[in-house]
Amino acid sequence: MNLSFQLILACSGLHHLITADLAWPEYNQQCQDDAGPPYLDDEETYGNGKYHDGSSAYPILDSNGKCAEPIKDACTTRPNKKTAYLEGPISCGSKGWYCRILEDPNWDMIGLEGDKNFGHCNTTENFEDAGRDKDGHCHGSASDETYYWWVRDHWFRQYNGRLRCCCG
């Protein structure tokens, strides 16, 4: 089964206090070339909040207002659904995950425009030009633990748009 979920990403400098959260991520995987402030400085930078607090980002929930399957556990342990979708932990059952950031007319793409790296295979333009990578930005991993770090890095790169993630 191909499980997927969506979230609208938009960066903002506003921050609010969040409490009653689990200790996540479990350990620091931040790389030297990751965008944004060092993760180890988050407490100093954001106090008890998160880097995405006060932003306009919001999760796309199912028709019943429920979280997508890979994020359901996170939705029960995180303080709100936005934090669950942005930080995880994602549960893909060790089958890997991948996310695509797609253009959204409601958000200025900022960093996304200059770093598109995939084209949908079901369009005439992309079928006729196999090198036409202009539909969005995509990455993934075989390890569920990398999800938090990928989303955080791309947040600070200001790759605004619709984030669509899938397991498998």
N, C-alpha and C. Protein backbone atom coordinates (compact mmCIF):
# COMPACT_ATOMS: atom_id res chain seq x y z
N MET A 1 0.84 -1.17 0.00
CA MET A 1 0.00 0.00 0.00
C MET A 1 0.89 1.24 0.00
N ASN A 2 0.60 2.19 -0.84
CA ASN A 2 1.35 3.43 -0.90
C ASN A 2 0.64 4.47 -0.05
N LEU A 3 1.20 4.80 1.09
CA LEU A 3 0.61 5.75 2.01
C LEU A 3 1.20 7.12 1.76
N SER A 4 0.39 8.14 1.80
CA SER A 4 0.91 9.48 1.57
C SER A 4 0.21 10.48 2.46
N PHE A 5 0.82 11.64 2.60
CA PHE A 5 0.24 12.73 3.36
C PHE A 5 0.77 14.02 2.80
N GLN A 6 0.10 15.12 3.13
CA GLN A 6 0.48 16.41 2.59
C GLN A 6 0.52 17.45 3.69
N LEU A 7 1.30 18.47 3.47
CA LEU A 7 1.41 19.60 4.38
C LEU A 7 1.77 20.81 3.53
N ILE A 8 1.20 21.94 3.84
CA ILE A 8 1.57 23.17 3.17
C ILE A 8 2.70 23.80 3.96
N LEU A 9 3.83 24.06 3.30
CA LEU A 9 4.99 24.66 3.95
C LEU A 9 5.01 26.15 3.67
N ALA A 10 5.21 26.94 4.70
CA ALA A 10 5.45 28.36 4.54
C ALA A 10 6.29 28.80 5.72
N CYS A 11 7.33 29.52 5.46
CA CYS A 11 8.26 29.91 6.52
C CYS A 11 7.81 31.23 7.13
N SER A 12 8.10 31.38 8.41
CA SER A 12 7.74 32.59 9.13
C SER A 12 8.70 32.77 10.29
N GLY A 13 8.91 34.01 10.68
CA GLY A 13 9.80 34.29 11.80
C GLY A 13 9.07 34.35 13.13
N LEU A 14 7.77 34.11 13.17
CA LEU A 14 7.02 34.18 14.42
C LEU A 14 7.15 32.89 15.20
N HIS A 15 7.20 33.00 16.51
CA HIS A 15 7.37 31.81 17.35
C HIS A 15 6.44 31.90 18.55
N HIS A 16 5.88 30.76 18.95
CA HIS A 16 5.01 30.66 20.12
C HIS A 16 5.52 29.55 21.01
N LEU A 17 5.12 29.58 22.26
CA LEU A 17 5.50 28.56 23.23
C LEU A 17 4.66 27.31 23.06
N ILE A 18 5.32 26.15 23.01
CA ILE A 18 4.63 24.86 22.96
C ILE A 18 5.12 24.03 24.13
N THR A 19 4.19 23.34 24.79
CA THR A 19 4.57 22.48 25.90
C THR A 19 4.01 21.09 25.67
N ALA A 20 4.36 20.16 26.54
CA ALA A 20 3.85 18.79 26.51
C ALA A 20 4.19 18.09 25.20
N ASP A 21 5.47 18.05 24.87
CA ASP A 21 5.93 17.40 23.65
C ASP A 21 6.90 16.30 24.01
N LEU A 22 7.04 15.31 23.14
CA LEU A 22 8.01 14.27 23.38
C LEU A 22 9.40 14.77 23.02
N ALA A 23 10.43 14.11 23.48
CA ALA A 23 11.80 14.50 23.16
C ALA A 23 12.12 13.99 21.75
N TRP A 24 11.99 14.86 20.79
CA TRP A 24 12.20 14.48 19.40
C TRP A 24 12.89 15.61 18.68
N PRO A 25 13.82 15.37 17.85
CA PRO A 25 14.33 14.07 17.46
C PRO A 25 15.16 13.43 18.57
N GLU A 26 15.34 12.13 18.47
CA GLU A 26 16.04 11.41 19.52
C GLU A 26 17.51 11.77 19.60
N TYR A 27 18.12 12.14 18.48
CA TYR A 27 19.52 12.53 18.47
C TYR A 27 19.76 13.48 17.30
N ASN A 28 20.87 14.19 17.35
CA ASN A 28 21.20 15.21 16.37
C ASN A 28 21.83 14.59 15.13
N GLN A 29 21.16 14.78 14.00
CA GLN A 29 21.70 14.33 12.71
C GLN A 29 22.02 15.51 11.81
N GLN A 30 22.00 16.72 12.36
CA GLN A 30 22.20 17.88 11.51
C GLN A 30 23.59 17.85 10.88
N CYS A 31 23.62 18.15 9.59
CA CYS A 31 24.88 18.20 8.84
C CYS A 31 25.39 19.64 8.81
N GLN A 32 26.66 19.79 8.58
CA GLN A 32 27.27 21.10 8.57
C GLN A 32 26.69 21.99 7.48
N ASP A 33 26.27 21.41 6.35
CA ASP A 33 25.73 22.22 5.26
C ASP A 33 24.22 22.37 5.30
N ASP A 34 23.56 21.91 6.37
CA ASP A 34 22.12 22.11 6.50
C ASP A 34 21.82 23.60 6.66
N ALA A 35 20.70 24.01 6.13
CA ALA A 35 20.28 25.40 6.25
C ALA A 35 19.70 25.65 7.64
N GLY A 36 19.67 26.92 8.03
CA GLY A 36 19.07 27.30 9.30
C GLY A 36 20.06 27.30 10.44
N PRO A 37 19.56 27.69 11.62
CA PRO A 37 20.43 27.74 12.79
C PRO A 37 20.80 26.34 13.25
N PRO A 38 21.92 26.17 13.94
CA PRO A 38 22.27 24.85 14.46
C PRO A 38 21.19 24.31 15.38
N TYR A 39 20.86 23.04 15.20
CA TYR A 39 19.83 22.40 16.02
C TYR A 39 20.16 22.52 17.51
N LEU A 40 21.42 22.39 17.85
CA LEU A 40 21.81 22.46 19.27
C LEU A 40 21.57 23.83 19.87
N ASP A 41 21.31 24.84 19.04
CA ASP A 41 21.00 26.18 19.52
C ASP A 41 19.49 26.44 19.60
N ASP A 42 18.67 25.44 19.30
CA ASP A 42 17.22 25.67 19.26
C ASP A 42 16.66 26.21 20.57
N GLU A 43 17.08 25.68 21.69
CA GLU A 43 16.54 26.16 22.97
C GLU A 43 16.86 27.64 23.15
N GLU A 44 18.07 28.04 22.80
CA GLU A 44 18.46 29.44 22.90
C GLU A 44 17.71 30.29 21.87
N THR A 45 17.55 29.75 20.67
CA THR A 45 16.92 30.49 19.57
C THR A 45 15.41 30.59 19.73
N TYR A 46 14.76 29.48 20.11
CA TYR A 46 13.29 29.43 20.14
C TYR A 46 12.71 29.24 21.53
N GLY A 47 13.53 29.20 22.55
CA GLY A 47 13.01 28.96 23.90
C GLY A 47 12.41 27.57 23.98
N ASN A 48 11.21 27.47 24.47
CA ASN A 48 10.51 26.18 24.55
C ASN A 48 9.70 25.89 23.30
N GLY A 49 9.84 26.71 22.28
CA GLY A 49 9.07 26.53 21.06
C GLY A 49 9.82 25.74 19.99
N LYS A 50 9.24 25.74 18.81
CA LYS A 50 9.78 25.03 17.65
C LYS A 50 10.08 26.04 16.55
N TYR A 51 10.94 25.66 15.64
CA TYR A 51 11.31 26.56 14.54
C TYR A 51 10.12 26.97 13.69
N HIS A 52 9.08 26.17 13.65
CA HIS A 52 7.94 26.44 12.79
C HIS A 52 6.75 27.06 13.52
N ASP A 53 6.89 27.31 14.82
CA ASP A 53 5.79 27.91 15.58
C ASP A 53 5.41 29.26 15.00
N GLY A 54 4.15 29.53 14.91
CA GLY A 54 3.66 30.81 14.41
C GLY A 54 3.66 30.93 12.90
N SER A 55 4.12 29.90 12.21
CA SER A 55 4.13 29.95 10.75
C SER A 55 2.73 29.68 10.20
N SER A 56 2.58 29.91 8.92
CA SER A 56 1.29 29.66 8.26
C SER A 56 1.17 28.25 7.72
N ALA A 57 2.16 27.40 7.96
CA ALA A 57 2.10 26.01 7.49
C ALA A 57 0.93 25.30 8.16
N TYR A 58 0.31 24.38 7.43
CA TYR A 58 -0.79 23.60 8.00
C TYR A 58 -0.84 22.22 7.33
N PRO A 59 -1.26 21.21 8.10
CA PRO A 59 -1.35 19.87 7.53
C PRO A 59 -2.62 19.71 6.70
N ILE A 60 -2.55 18.86 5.68
CA ILE A 60 -3.71 18.48 4.90
C ILE A 60 -4.20 17.15 5.49
N LEU A 61 -5.31 17.19 6.18
CA LEU A 61 -5.85 16.01 6.85
C LEU A 61 -6.86 15.30 5.96
N ASP A 62 -7.21 14.07 6.32
CA ASP A 62 -8.21 13.36 5.52
C ASP A 62 -9.59 13.98 5.72
N SER A 63 -10.58 13.49 5.02
CA SER A 63 -11.92 14.10 5.05
C SER A 63 -12.57 14.05 6.42
N ASN A 64 -12.06 13.19 7.31
CA ASN A 64 -12.59 13.12 8.67
C ASN A 64 -11.73 13.91 9.66
N GLY A 65 -10.77 14.68 9.17
CA GLY A 65 -9.91 15.47 10.03
C GLY A 65 -8.83 14.65 10.72
N LYS A 66 -8.59 13.45 10.24
CA LYS A 66 -7.60 12.55 10.83
C LYS A 66 -6.26 12.67 10.11
N CYS A 67 -5.20 12.29 10.81
CA CYS A 67 -3.85 12.29 10.25
C CYS A 67 -3.67 11.09 9.33
N ALA A 68 -2.78 11.24 8.35
CA ALA A 68 -2.44 10.14 7.45
C ALA A 68 -1.75 9.03 8.23
N GLU A 69 -1.86 7.82 7.75
CA GLU A 69 -1.34 6.64 8.45
C GLU A 69 0.12 6.78 8.89
N PRO A 70 1.04 7.23 8.03
CA PRO A 70 2.45 7.30 8.47
C PRO A 70 2.71 8.31 9.59
N ILE A 71 1.75 9.20 9.84
CA ILE A 71 1.92 10.25 10.85
C ILE A 71 0.97 10.04 12.04
N LYS A 72 0.12 9.03 12.00
CA LYS A 72 -0.86 8.82 13.07
C LYS A 72 -0.24 8.73 14.46
N ASP A 73 0.85 7.97 14.59
CA ASP A 73 1.50 7.87 15.90
C ASP A 73 2.01 9.23 16.36
N ALA A 74 2.62 9.98 15.45
CA ALA A 74 3.12 11.30 15.80
C ALA A 74 1.97 12.22 16.20
N CYS A 75 0.82 12.08 15.58
CA CYS A 75 -0.32 12.93 15.91
C CYS A 75 -0.85 12.67 17.32
N THR A 76 -0.56 11.50 17.86
CA THR A 76 -0.99 11.21 19.24
C THR A 76 0.06 11.61 20.27
N THR A 77 1.31 11.81 19.86
CA THR A 77 2.37 12.12 20.82
C THR A 77 2.88 13.55 20.73
N ARG A 78 2.54 14.26 19.68
CA ARG A 78 3.01 15.63 19.50
C ARG A 78 1.95 16.61 19.96
N PRO A 79 2.31 17.85 20.27
CA PRO A 79 1.33 18.80 20.82
C PRO A 79 0.24 19.22 19.83
N ASN A 80 0.50 19.10 18.53
CA ASN A 80 -0.51 19.45 17.54
C ASN A 80 -0.17 18.74 16.22
N LYS A 81 -1.13 18.76 15.31
CA LYS A 81 -0.96 18.04 14.04
C LYS A 81 0.09 18.68 13.15
N LYS A 82 0.23 19.99 13.19
CA LYS A 82 1.26 20.64 12.38
C LYS A 82 2.64 20.15 12.82
N THR A 83 2.90 20.08 14.11
CA THR A 83 4.19 19.60 14.59
C THR A 83 4.39 18.15 14.19
N ALA A 84 3.36 17.34 14.27
CA ALA A 84 3.46 15.93 13.87
C ALA A 84 3.87 15.82 12.40
N TYR A 85 3.25 16.60 11.54
CA TYR A 85 3.54 16.52 10.11
C TYR A 85 4.92 17.09 9.78
N LEU A 86 5.33 18.15 10.46
CA LEU A 86 6.63 18.75 10.16
C LEU A 86 7.81 18.02 10.79
N GLU A 87 7.58 17.38 11.93
CA GLU A 87 8.70 16.78 12.64
C GLU A 87 8.63 15.26 12.75
N GLY A 88 7.44 14.71 12.59
CA GLY A 88 7.31 13.26 12.78
C GLY A 88 7.30 12.93 14.26
N PRO A 89 7.69 11.75 14.62
CA PRO A 89 8.35 10.77 13.77
C PRO A 89 7.39 10.13 12.76
N ILE A 90 7.91 9.90 11.58
CA ILE A 90 7.17 9.23 10.52
C ILE A 90 7.28 7.72 10.74
N SER A 91 6.24 7.00 10.40
CA SER A 91 6.24 5.54 10.59
C SER A 91 5.97 4.86 9.25
N CYS A 92 7.04 4.57 8.53
CA CYS A 92 6.93 3.89 7.24
C CYS A 92 7.33 2.43 7.32
N GLY A 93 7.48 1.91 8.53
CA GLY A 93 7.77 0.50 8.71
C GLY A 93 9.08 0.05 8.07
N SER A 94 10.07 0.91 8.12
CA SER A 94 11.40 0.61 7.55
C SER A 94 11.35 0.33 6.04
N LYS A 95 10.34 0.88 5.37
CA LYS A 95 10.23 0.72 3.91
C LYS A 95 10.72 1.97 3.18
N GLY A 96 11.16 2.95 3.95
CA GLY A 96 11.63 4.19 3.36
C GLY A 96 10.52 5.19 3.11
N TRP A 97 10.89 6.41 2.81
CA TRP A 97 9.94 7.49 2.53
C TRP A 97 10.54 8.39 1.45
N TYR A 98 9.69 9.14 0.81
CA TYR A 98 10.14 10.19 -0.10
C TYR A 98 9.13 11.32 -0.05
N CYS A 99 9.60 12.52 -0.24
CA CYS A 99 8.74 13.70 -0.23
C CYS A 99 9.01 14.54 -1.48
N ARG A 100 7.94 15.13 -1.97
CA ARG A 100 8.03 16.07 -3.08
C ARG A 100 7.47 17.40 -2.61
N ILE A 101 8.18 18.46 -2.90
CA ILE A 101 7.67 19.81 -2.63
C ILE A 101 7.20 20.35 -3.97
N LEU A 102 5.91 20.64 -4.04
CA LEU A 102 5.27 21.07 -5.28
C LEU A 102 4.91 22.54 -5.20
N GLU A 103 4.89 23.18 -6.34
CA GLU A 103 4.44 24.57 -6.39
C GLU A 103 3.03 24.68 -5.85
N ASP A 104 2.76 25.77 -5.16
CA ASP A 104 1.42 26.07 -4.67
C ASP A 104 1.18 27.55 -4.96
N PRO A 105 0.11 27.89 -5.67
CA PRO A 105 -0.10 29.28 -6.05
C PRO A 105 -0.30 30.22 -4.86
N ASN A 106 -0.55 29.66 -3.68
CA ASN A 106 -0.78 30.49 -2.49
C ASN A 106 0.52 30.87 -1.77
N TRP A 107 1.67 30.35 -2.22
CA TRP A 107 2.93 30.58 -1.51
C TRP A 107 4.01 31.01 -2.48
N ASP A 108 4.80 31.99 -2.07
CA ASP A 108 5.98 32.40 -2.84
C ASP A 108 7.03 31.30 -2.69
N MET A 109 7.52 30.76 -3.79
CA MET A 109 8.41 29.60 -3.75
C MET A 109 9.79 29.92 -3.18
N ILE A 110 10.25 31.11 -3.24
CA ILE A 110 11.56 31.58 -2.78
C ILE A 110 12.65 30.60 -3.22
N GLY A 111 13.11 29.68 -2.37
CA GLY A 111 14.20 28.77 -2.69
C GLY A 111 13.83 27.64 -3.63
N LEU A 112 12.55 27.28 -3.69
CA LEU A 112 12.12 26.16 -4.52
C LEU A 112 12.35 26.41 -6.00
N GLU A 113 12.10 27.61 -6.47
CA GLU A 113 12.16 27.92 -7.89
C GLU A 113 13.51 27.56 -8.51
N GLY A 114 14.58 27.81 -7.81
CA GLY A 114 15.90 27.56 -8.37
C GLY A 114 16.46 26.17 -8.13
N ASP A 115 15.70 25.28 -7.48
CA ASP A 115 16.24 23.96 -7.17
C ASP A 115 15.24 22.84 -7.42
N LYS A 116 14.50 22.95 -8.50
CA LYS A 116 13.59 21.86 -8.87
C LYS A 116 14.41 20.70 -9.41
N ASN A 117 14.04 19.48 -9.04
CA ASN A 117 14.86 18.33 -9.44
C ASN A 117 14.05 17.13 -9.92
N PHE A 118 12.77 17.31 -10.23
CA PHE A 118 12.01 16.20 -10.80
C PHE A 118 10.91 16.72 -11.71
N GLY A 119 10.47 15.83 -12.59
CA GLY A 119 9.34 16.10 -13.46
C GLY A 119 8.37 14.94 -13.39
N HIS A 120 7.08 15.23 -13.31
CA HIS A 120 6.08 14.15 -13.29
C HIS A 120 6.13 13.40 -14.62
N CYS A 121 6.13 12.08 -14.54
CA CYS A 121 6.27 11.26 -15.75
C CYS A 121 4.98 11.17 -16.56
N ASN A 122 3.87 11.64 -16.02
CA ASN A 122 2.60 11.50 -16.70
C ASN A 122 2.13 12.79 -17.39
N THR A 123 3.09 13.64 -17.79
CA THR A 123 2.73 14.85 -18.53
C THR A 123 3.38 14.81 -19.90
N THR A 124 2.75 15.42 -20.86
CA THR A 124 3.28 15.44 -22.21
C THR A 124 4.64 16.12 -22.25
N GLU A 125 4.78 17.25 -21.53
CA GLU A 125 6.04 17.99 -21.53
C GLU A 125 7.19 17.11 -21.04
N ASN A 126 6.97 16.38 -19.98
CA ASN A 126 8.03 15.56 -19.40
C ASN A 126 8.26 14.28 -20.20
N PHE A 127 7.22 13.75 -20.82
CA PHE A 127 7.38 12.55 -21.65
C PHE A 127 8.23 12.87 -22.87
N GLU A 128 8.00 14.06 -23.44
CA GLU A 128 8.74 14.45 -24.63
C GLU A 128 10.15 14.97 -24.33
N ASP A 129 10.40 15.40 -23.09
CA ASP A 129 11.72 15.92 -22.69
C ASP A 129 12.10 15.29 -21.36
N ALA A 130 12.83 14.17 -21.43
CA ALA A 130 13.17 13.42 -20.22
C ALA A 130 14.01 14.22 -19.23
N GLY A 131 14.64 15.30 -19.66
CA GLY A 131 15.44 16.13 -18.77
C GLY A 131 14.70 17.31 -18.18
N ARG A 132 13.40 17.38 -18.40
CA ARG A 132 12.60 18.52 -17.93
C ARG A 132 12.24 18.32 -16.46
N ASP A 133 13.10 18.75 -15.56
CA ASP A 133 12.86 18.63 -14.13
C ASP A 133 12.37 19.97 -13.58
N LYS A 134 11.10 20.27 -13.83
CA LYS A 134 10.57 21.58 -13.44
C LYS A 134 9.29 21.50 -12.63
N ASP A 135 8.97 20.31 -12.10
CA ASP A 135 7.71 20.17 -11.38
C ASP A 135 7.84 20.32 -9.87
N GLY A 136 9.04 20.24 -9.32
CA GLY A 136 9.19 20.38 -7.88
C GLY A 136 10.53 19.84 -7.40
N HIS A 137 10.61 19.64 -6.11
CA HIS A 137 11.85 19.19 -5.47
C HIS A 137 11.55 17.91 -4.70
N CYS A 138 12.39 16.88 -4.87
CA CYS A 138 12.11 15.57 -4.29
C CYS A 138 13.35 14.97 -3.64
N HIS A 139 13.15 14.33 -2.50
CA HIS A 139 14.18 13.55 -1.82
C HIS A 139 13.50 12.45 -1.04
N GLY A 140 14.29 11.54 -0.52
CA GLY A 140 13.76 10.47 0.32
C GLY A 140 14.88 9.76 1.03
N SER A 141 14.51 8.73 1.76
CA SER A 141 15.50 7.96 2.51
C SER A 141 14.95 6.58 2.83
N ALA A 142 15.85 5.64 3.03
CA ALA A 142 15.46 4.31 3.49
C ALA A 142 15.25 4.30 5.00
N SER A 143 15.60 5.39 5.68
CA SER A 143 15.54 5.46 7.14
C SER A 143 14.49 6.48 7.60
N ASP A 144 13.52 6.03 8.38
CA ASP A 144 12.48 6.92 8.90
C ASP A 144 13.08 8.06 9.73
N GLU A 145 14.20 7.82 10.39
CA GLU A 145 14.80 8.80 11.31
C GLU A 145 15.31 10.05 10.59
N THR A 146 15.49 10.01 9.28
CA THR A 146 16.00 11.18 8.57
C THR A 146 14.92 12.19 8.20
N TYR A 147 13.64 11.81 8.33
CA TYR A 147 12.53 12.67 7.92
C TYR A 147 12.60 14.05 8.57
N TYR A 148 12.74 14.08 9.89
CA TYR A 148 12.78 15.35 10.61
C TYR A 148 13.85 16.26 10.02
N TRP A 149 15.02 15.71 9.79
CA TRP A 149 16.16 16.52 9.35
C TRP A 149 15.97 17.03 7.92
N TRP A 150 15.37 16.24 7.05
CA TRP A 150 15.13 16.68 5.69
C TRP A 150 14.12 17.83 5.67
N VAL A 151 13.02 17.67 6.40
CA VAL A 151 12.00 18.72 6.43
C VAL A 151 12.58 20.01 7.01
N ARG A 152 13.30 19.91 8.11
CA ARG A 152 13.89 21.09 8.75
C ARG A 152 14.84 21.81 7.79
N ASP A 153 15.73 21.07 7.15
CA ASP A 153 16.69 21.67 6.24
C ASP A 153 15.98 22.39 5.09
N HIS A 154 14.98 21.77 4.51
CA HIS A 154 14.28 22.38 3.38
C HIS A 154 13.39 23.54 3.83
N TRP A 155 12.93 23.51 5.06
CA TRP A 155 12.19 24.65 5.63
C TRP A 155 13.09 25.88 5.61
N PHE A 156 14.30 25.73 6.14
CA PHE A 156 15.20 26.88 6.22
C PHE A 156 15.77 27.27 4.86
N ARG A 157 15.69 26.40 3.88
CA ARG A 157 16.07 26.78 2.52
C ARG A 157 14.93 27.55 1.84
N GLN A 158 13.81 27.67 2.51
CA GLN A 158 12.61 28.37 2.05
C GLN A 158 12.05 27.76 0.77
N TYR A 159 11.97 26.45 0.76
CA TYR A 159 11.34 25.74 -0.35
C TYR A 159 9.84 25.68 -0.07
N ASN A 160 9.20 26.82 -0.19
CA ASN A 160 7.78 26.92 0.11
C ASN A 160 6.95 26.22 -0.96
N GLY A 161 5.87 25.59 -0.54
CA GLY A 161 4.97 24.92 -1.47
C GLY A 161 4.19 23.85 -0.74
N ARG A 162 3.66 22.91 -1.50
CA ARG A 162 2.89 21.79 -0.91
C ARG A 162 3.83 20.60 -0.79
N LEU A 163 3.98 20.12 0.42
CA LEU A 163 4.83 18.97 0.69
C LEU A 163 3.98 17.71 0.63
N ARG A 164 4.33 16.79 -0.24
CA ARG A 164 3.60 15.53 -0.36
C ARG A 164 4.59 14.41 -0.14
N CYS A 165 4.32 13.59 0.88
CA CYS A 165 5.24 12.52 1.26
C CYS A 165 4.55 11.17 1.17
N CYS A 166 5.34 10.16 0.86
CA CYS A 166 4.83 8.80 0.71
C CYS A 166 5.82 7.81 1.33
N CYS A 167 5.29 6.69 1.76
CA CYS A 167 6.12 5.58 2.23
C CYS A 167 6.34 4.61 1.09
N GLY A 168 7.46 3.89 1.17
CA GLY A 168 7.71 2.80 0.23
C GLY A 168 8.57 3.13 -0.94
